[in-house]
Amino acid sequence: MKVLLTGGGTGGHIYPALALANEIKRQYPDAHFLYIGTSNGLEANIVPNHPLPFETIEISGFKRKLSFENVKTIKRFLMGTKRAKSLIRSFQPDVAIGTGGYVAGPVMYAAAKLNVPTIIHEQNSVPGLTNKFLSRYVDRVATCFDEATNYFPKEKTVYTGNPRAQEALRADNVDLQNEYGLDANVPTVLIVGGSRGARPIHEAFLEALPQLKDKICQFLYVTGDVHYDKVKEQLETIETNQHVVIRPFISDMPSVLKSVDAIVSRAGATTLSEITAIGIPSILIPSPYVTNNHQEHNARALEKAGAAIVRKENEWGAEQFASDLRNIFDGETQSNMKLAAQKAGTPDASDRLIKVIQTLIKE
């Protein structure tokens, strides 16, 4: 099997593609891959660290307002499509899979025009412009939220979930005591705001620490590189009896997720797929700075299922943090949220996508 992958710009587009590639390789050891991205996107830093051939095209996104830049973008799209067609003809894939981002536009359009079986994967509850555009040309649209199906042609759309869910479920537990110096007998809350951190999350956490007199849990706080030094400095000035371990970054996040008891985070699609597959009660503070406010829509789906507490940034603060934390560890709330998260997850997401691939190749 020869598989063309494309997706870029953010980890939410890249990591699902890599997770799917890992599972395909596990089930089809002789499979071959080609990943097409951009030279200036995040994928250019991430994909070359994996055993996947990587090629690039040049592309940028459309501005939502009238702009001369859009004329340049159209030119780049046409040139990117031409370059993608050349790469596709050379590779001769059995299937092409796009996981979002601007780069998926010309690559998947080119694949469709060359009659390669095509699948786009939409991670969010509110789709981006690229996948909305591509849905007219591709053979199948795979979604992770039921809410997203309303944006795509019904006859093409199939619910699969996010491949990162299955990868997270396969991860080994980490020994939090040996690796991070945490107490094996105390519940652990993971706090993470993404690779660059999230200022409202760390401000509320630091302010809440003195209020948490009762040691109901301990904290593993992933600050992001940007905030690490400042948070470390502030922690040294706070009087608290809480056990707090901070790290700027954790490379093996799925293993850590399998070992914690609750999480406080943003509401990116990849994060939600991981925590629902594993079944982790969560406090979600959606980023208000994303397209179509999709993080809040993602988070509300989990809130509706009873798996998460959702707070907008303007509702979020030290007192709310302390109150929400106590609520999670009160009575059976934690176990009920865990079950609700597992019920909302798709731990077999990659298997579902591979079945779609198999069906398309046979058609």
Foldseek 3Di string as FASTA:
>chain_A
DEEEEEFFQDPLQVVLRVLLVVVCCVVPVPYAYEYEYACPTPCVVVVVVDPHHYHYADADDDDPDDDPVVVVRVVSLVRLLVVLLVVCVVRVGQEYEGADDGSCQSNQQSCLVVVRAYEYEALFLDGDPRVLVCLVRHQAYEYADPSNCVSHDVVRYDYQHGSLQQVLVPDAADDCCVPFVDDPVAAEEEEAEPQQADVLRLQQVLVQQAVPQDANHAYEYQGHPNCVVVSVVSVVVDDHPHHYTYDPDDDPVSNHLLHHAAYEYAQRSSVLQNCLSNQHQYEYAHDPPDPPSRRVVNVVVLVVLLQYHYDYSVRDHNVVVSVVVVVCSPDCSSVVNSVSSPVSYRNCSSVVVVVVSVVSSVD
